Amino acid sequence: MAKLLRYGIAAVWLANGLLCKVLHLVPRHEAIVARILGPAYAGPLTRLIGMAEIGLGLWVLTGRRPRPTAALQIGLVLTMNALELWLAPDLLLWGPLNFAFALLFALVVFWWGRLEGEVRSEHREVRVGKKNLILSAVEESPPLRCNNSDEAVEILRLRSE
């Protein structure tokens, strides 16, 4: 479920960034930027925002650090939508309902961050020579440095006793 949510959330960022802003398929986005930040640099700023959204979508796809990623996304989505609702309500596709959709998206992102964070915290990486082993449900302990997998297994066995 967490993986499906991750792909869905990433798709939202990638589509909005690439299609709506960078490729300018939805001119309303640039009009909103012009209203909020001024018309002089609305085009380049819209593309810059789009590239940042693409970067965020790619970051979400990696699944790395899901909780801070979720917090950043929630902050960005709610801030952007609050500014748009306040300064450019007539340009929003669904008017005030846009903020309701933003809240719903923020809730989904929060749920994903919790799910993905729990999945990640149940695993632990152990360095064996030049390879990393992923161990499941290992309690918090200092990092292991071993020369081979037999040594790692022995250390883990001793720690669990």
C-alpha atoms as a PDB file:
ATOM      1  CA  MET A   1       0.000   0.000   0.000  1.00  0.00           C
ATOM      2  CA  ALA A   2       2.827   2.410   0.874  1.00  0.00           C
ATOM      3  CA  LYS A   3       4.457   1.795  -2.510  1.00  0.00           C
ATOM      4  CA  LEU A   4       1.199   2.491  -4.357  1.00  0.00           C
ATOM      5  CA  LEU A   5       0.725   5.729  -2.410  1.00  0.00           C
ATOM      6  CA  ARG A   6       4.336   6.699  -3.135  1.00  0.00           C
ATOM      7  CA  TYR A   7       3.817   6.265  -6.877  1.00  0.00           C
ATOM      8  CA  GLY A   8       0.522   8.173  -6.799  1.00  0.00           C
ATOM      9  CA  ILE A   9       1.977  11.093  -4.842  1.00  0.00           C
ATOM     10  CA  ALA A  10       5.027  11.224  -7.111  1.00  0.00           C
ATOM     11  CA  ALA A  11       2.735  11.215 -10.158  1.00  0.00           C
ATOM     12  CA  VAL A  12       0.896  14.279  -8.823  1.00  0.00           C
ATOM     13  CA  TRP A  13       4.173  16.217  -8.426  1.00  0.00           C
ATOM     14  CA  LEU A  14       5.608  15.041 -11.748  1.00  0.00           C
ATOM     15  CA  ALA A  15       2.424  15.801 -13.708  1.00  0.00           C
ATOM     16  CA  ASN A  16       1.907  19.222 -12.143  1.00  0.00           C
ATOM     17  CA  GLY A  17       5.563  20.142 -12.499  1.00  0.00           C
ATOM     18  CA  LEU A  18       6.184  18.873 -16.015  1.00  0.00           C
ATOM     19  CA  LEU A  19       2.843  19.167 -17.776  1.00  0.00           C
ATOM     20  CA  CYS A  20       1.258  22.162 -16.075  1.00  0.00           C
ATOM     21  CA  LYS A  21       4.284  24.339 -15.419  1.00  0.00           C
ATOM     22  CA  VAL A  22       7.378  23.375 -17.439  1.00  0.00           C
ATOM     23  CA  LEU A  23       5.532  22.474 -20.665  1.00  0.00           C
ATOM     24  CA  HIS A  24       2.956  25.223 -19.975  1.00  0.00           C
ATOM     25  CA  LEU A  25      -0.026  23.014 -20.874  1.00  0.00           C
ATOM     26  CA  VAL A  26      -2.141  24.763 -18.214  1.00  0.00           C
ATOM     27  CA  PRO A  27      -1.599  28.541 -18.594  1.00  0.00           C
ATOM     28  CA  ARG A  28      -3.676  29.172 -15.459  1.00  0.00           C
ATOM     29  CA  HIS A  29      -0.646  28.162 -13.366  1.00  0.00           C
ATOM     30  CA  GLU A  30       1.445  30.971 -14.836  1.00  0.00           C
ATOM     31  CA  ALA A  31      -1.449  33.397 -14.340  1.00  0.00           C
ATOM     32  CA  ILE A  32      -1.552  32.444 -10.647  1.00  0.00           C
ATOM     33  CA  VAL A  33       2.217  32.960 -10.329  1.00  0.00           C
ATOM     34  CA  ALA A  34       1.875  36.331 -12.100  1.00  0.00           C
ATOM     35  CA  ARG A  35      -0.854  37.396  -9.694  1.00  0.00           C
ATOM     36  CA  ILE A  36       1.114  36.365  -6.596  1.00  0.00           C
ATOM     37  CA  LEU A  37       4.730  37.168  -7.563  1.00  0.00           C
ATOM     38  CA  GLY A  38       4.200  39.721 -10.328  1.00  0.00           C
ATOM     39  CA  PRO A  39       3.945  39.399 -14.120  1.00  0.00           C
ATOM     40  CA  ALA A  40       7.523  40.434 -14.977  1.00  0.00           C
ATOM     41  CA  TYR A  41       9.092  37.037 -14.322  1.00  0.00           C
ATOM     42  CA  ALA A  42       6.000  34.823 -14.141  1.00  0.00           C
ATOM     43  CA  GLY A  43       7.102  32.585 -17.043  1.00  0.00           C
ATOM     44  CA  PRO A  44      10.580  31.710 -15.753  1.00  0.00           C
ATOM     45  CA  LEU A  45       9.361  31.465 -12.144  1.00  0.00           C
ATOM     46  CA  THR A  46       6.549  29.105 -13.169  1.00  0.00           C
ATOM     47  CA  ARG A  47       9.054  26.863 -14.956  1.00  0.00           C
ATOM     48  CA  LEU A  48      11.381  27.018 -11.938  1.00  0.00           C
ATOM     49  CA  ILE A  49       8.523  26.009  -9.629  1.00  0.00           C
ATOM     50  CA  GLY A  50       7.714  23.207 -12.082  1.00  0.00           C
ATOM     51  CA  MET A  51      11.298  21.935 -12.003  1.00  0.00           C
ATOM     52  CA  ALA A  52      11.226  21.999  -8.200  1.00  0.00           C
ATOM     53  CA  GLU A  53       7.990  19.986  -8.275  1.00  0.00           C
ATOM     54  CA  ILE A  54       9.610  17.468 -10.637  1.00  0.00           C
ATOM     55  CA  GLY A  55      12.554  17.204  -8.234  1.00  0.00           C
ATOM     56  CA  LEU A  56      10.181  16.625  -5.338  1.00  0.00           C
ATOM     57  CA  GLY A  57       8.348  13.953  -7.333  1.00  0.00           C
ATOM     58  CA  LEU A  58      11.641  12.177  -8.032  1.00  0.00           C
ATOM     59  CA  TRP A  59      12.587  12.431  -4.350  1.00  0.00           C
ATOM     60  CA  VAL A  60       9.251  10.848  -3.404  1.00  0.00           C
ATOM     61  CA  LEU A  61       9.919   8.031  -5.892  1.00  0.00           C
ATOM     62  CA  THR A  62      13.178   7.149  -4.143  1.00  0.00           C
ATOM     63  CA  GLY A  63      11.304   6.486  -0.910  1.00  0.00           C
ATOM     64  CA  ARG A  64      14.196   7.944   1.079  1.00  0.00           C
ATOM     65  CA  ARG A  65      13.438   9.748   4.333  1.00  0.00           C
ATOM     66  CA  PRO A  66       9.666   9.506   3.929  1.00  0.00           C
ATOM     67  CA  ARG A  67       8.674  11.387   7.073  1.00  0.00           C
ATOM     68  CA  PRO A  68      10.684  14.566   6.388  1.00  0.00           C
ATOM     69  CA  THR A  69       9.611  14.307   2.744  1.00  0.00           C
ATOM     70  CA  ALA A  70       5.973  14.107   3.807  1.00  0.00           C
ATOM     71  CA  ALA A  71       6.375  17.078   6.161  1.00  0.00           C
ATOM     72  CA  LEU A  72       7.944  19.165   3.386  1.00  0.00           C
ATOM     73  CA  GLN A  73       5.185  18.255   0.932  1.00  0.00           C
ATOM     74  CA  ILE A  74       2.417  19.043   3.398  1.00  0.00           C
ATOM     75  CA  GLY A  75       3.985  22.409   4.192  1.00  0.00           C
ATOM     76  CA  LEU A  76       4.403  23.281   0.518  1.00  0.00           C
ATOM     77  CA  VAL A  77       0.930  22.176  -0.551  1.00  0.00           C
ATOM     78  CA  LEU A  78      -0.882  23.968   2.255  1.00  0.00           C
ATOM     79  CA  THR A  79       1.210  27.137   1.892  1.00  0.00           C
ATOM     80  CA  MET A  80       0.821  27.293  -1.896  1.00  0.00           C
ATOM     81  CA  ASN A  81      -2.907  26.657  -1.733  1.00  0.00           C
ATOM     82  CA  ALA A  82      -3.487  29.144   1.091  1.00  0.00           C
ATOM     83  CA  LEU A  83      -1.650  31.847  -0.894  1.00  0.00           C
ATOM     84  CA  GLU A  84      -3.605  31.006  -4.044  1.00  0.00           C
ATOM     85  CA  LEU A  85      -6.922  31.059  -2.190  1.00  0.00           C
ATOM     86  CA  TRP A  86      -6.065  34.402  -0.609  1.00  0.00           C
ATOM     87  CA  LEU A  87      -4.468  36.190  -3.580  1.00  0.00           C
ATOM     88  CA  ALA A  88      -5.912  34.533  -6.705  1.00  0.00           C
ATOM     89  CA  PRO A  89      -9.225  32.815  -5.841  1.00  0.00           C
ATOM     90  CA  ASP A  90     -10.775  33.668  -9.221  1.00  0.00           C
ATOM     91  CA  LEU A  91      -8.011  31.758 -11.047  1.00  0.00           C
ATOM     92  CA  LEU A  92      -8.465  28.490  -9.147  1.00  0.00           C
ATOM     93  CA  LEU A  93     -10.087  25.631 -11.043  1.00  0.00           C
ATOM     94  CA  TRP A  94     -12.550  24.792  -8.254  1.00  0.00           C
ATOM     95  CA  GLY A  95     -12.396  28.043  -6.303  1.00  0.00           C
ATOM     96  CA  PRO A  96     -12.385  27.486  -2.530  1.00  0.00           C
ATOM     97  CA  LEU A  97     -12.753  23.731  -3.082  1.00  0.00           C
ATOM     98  CA  ASN A  98      -9.123  23.714  -4.244  1.00  0.00           C
ATOM     99  CA  PHE A  99      -8.099  24.098  -0.613  1.00  0.00           C
ATOM    100  CA  ALA A 100     -10.308  21.146   0.359  1.00  0.00           C
ATOM    101  CA  PHE A 101      -8.507  19.021  -2.247  1.00  0.00           C
ATOM    102  CA  ALA A 102      -5.177  20.299  -0.918  1.00  0.00           C
ATOM    103  CA  LEU A 103      -6.167  19.189   2.587  1.00  0.00           C
ATOM    104  CA  LEU A 104      -7.170  15.779   1.250  1.00  0.00           C
ATOM    105  CA  PHE A 105      -3.844  15.450  -0.584  1.00  0.00           C
ATOM    106  CA  ALA A 106      -1.982  16.531   2.576  1.00  0.00           C
ATOM    107  CA  LEU A 107      -3.828  13.821   4.508  1.00  0.00           C
ATOM    108  CA  VAL A 108      -2.822  11.184   1.933  1.00  0.00           C
ATOM    109  CA  VAL A 109       0.796  12.394   2.065  1.00  0.00           C
ATOM    110  CA  PHE A 110       0.731  12.243   5.880  1.00  0.00           C
ATOM    111  CA  TRP A 111      -0.642   8.694   5.762  1.00  0.00           C
ATOM    112  CA  TRP A 112       2.027   7.669   3.235  1.00  0.00           C
ATOM    113  CA  GLY A 113       4.775   9.198   5.397  1.00  0.00           C
ATOM    114  CA  ARG A 114       3.570   7.204   8.394  1.00  0.00           C
ATOM    115  CA  LEU A 115       3.219   3.939   6.452  1.00  0.00           C
ATOM    116  CA  GLU A 116       6.514   4.266   4.602  1.00  0.00           C
ATOM    117  CA  GLY A 117       8.275   5.415   7.782  1.00  0.00           C
ATOM    118  CA  GLU A 118       7.026   2.370   9.700  1.00  0.00           C
ATOM    119  CA  VAL A 119       8.135   0.008   6.937  1.00  0.00           C
ATOM    120  CA  ARG A 120      11.590   1.597   6.902  1.00  0.00           C
ATOM    121  CA  SER A 121      11.993   1.556  10.693  1.00  0.00           C
ATOM    122  CA  GLU A 122      11.383  -2.199  10.765  1.00  0.00           C
ATOM    123  CA  HIS A 123      14.542  -2.747   8.714  1.00  0.00           C
ATOM    124  CA  ARG A 124      18.169  -2.262   9.548  1.00  0.00           C
ATOM    125  CA  GLU A 125      21.192  -2.200   7.269  1.00  0.00           C
ATOM    126  CA  VAL A 126      24.311  -4.098   8.286  1.00  0.00           C
ATOM    127  CA  ARG A 127      27.570  -3.474   6.447  1.00  0.00           C
ATOM    128  CA  VAL A 128      29.370  -6.703   5.535  1.00  0.00           C
ATOM    129  CA  GLY A 129      32.594  -5.966   3.722  1.00  0.00           C
ATOM    130  CA  LYS A 130      31.484  -3.869   0.768  1.00  0.00           C
ATOM    131  CA  LYS A 131      27.866  -5.088   0.803  1.00  0.00           C
ATOM    132  CA  ASN A 132      24.855  -3.987   2.828  1.00  0.00           C
ATOM    133  CA  LEU A 133      22.480  -6.589   4.231  1.00  0.00           C
ATOM    134  CA  ILE A 134      18.919  -5.586   5.118  1.00  0.00           C
ATOM    135  CA  LEU A 135      17.690  -7.156   8.335  1.00  0.00           C
ATOM    136  CA  SER A 136      14.053  -7.124   9.375  1.00  0.00           C
ATOM    137  CA  ALA A 137      12.695  -6.180  12.783  1.00  0.00           C
ATOM    138  CA  VAL A 138      16.073  -5.537  14.376  1.00  0.00           C
ATOM    139  CA  GLU A 139      16.006  -3.355  17.472  1.00  0.00           C
ATOM    140  CA  GLU A 140      17.997  -0.145  17.499  1.00  0.00           C
ATOM    141  CA  SER A 141      21.679  -0.850  18.068  1.00  0.00           C
ATOM    142  CA  PRO A 142      25.018   0.577  16.962  1.00  0.00           C
ATOM    143  CA  PRO A 143      26.073  -0.070  13.359  1.00  0.00           C
ATOM    144  CA  LEU A 144      27.773  -3.362  12.638  1.00  0.00           C
ATOM    145  CA  ARG A 145      31.010  -3.557  10.703  1.00  0.00           C
ATOM    146  CA  CYS A 146      31.919  -7.081   9.645  1.00  0.00           C
ATOM    147  CA  ASN A 147      34.228  -8.729   7.153  1.00  0.00           C
ATOM    148  CA  ASN A 148      31.854 -11.491   6.081  1.00  0.00           C
ATOM    149  CA  SER A 149      28.264 -12.641   6.488  1.00  0.00           C
ATOM    150  CA  ASP A 150      29.166 -15.411   8.983  1.00  0.00           C
ATOM    151  CA  GLU A 151      30.687 -12.822  11.296  1.00  0.00           C
ATOM    152  CA  ALA A 152      27.557 -10.643  10.965  1.00  0.00           C
ATOM    153  CA  VAL A 153      25.280 -13.563  11.808  1.00  0.00           C
ATOM    154  CA  GLU A 154      27.388 -14.406  14.860  1.00  0.00           C
ATOM    155  CA  ILE A 155      27.338 -10.811  16.121  1.00  0.00           C
ATOM    156  CA  LEU A 156      23.568 -10.633  15.667  1.00  0.00           C
ATOM    157  CA  ARG A 157      23.137 -13.962  17.460  1.00  0.00           C
ATOM    158  CA  LEU A 158      25.203 -12.720  20.397  1.00  0.00           C
ATOM    159  CA  ARG A 159      23.263  -9.451  20.552  1.00  0.00           C
ATOM    160  CA  SER A 160      19.932 -11.242  20.629  1.00  0.00           C
ATOM    161  CA  GLU A 161      20.908 -13.433  23.611  1.00  0.00           C
END
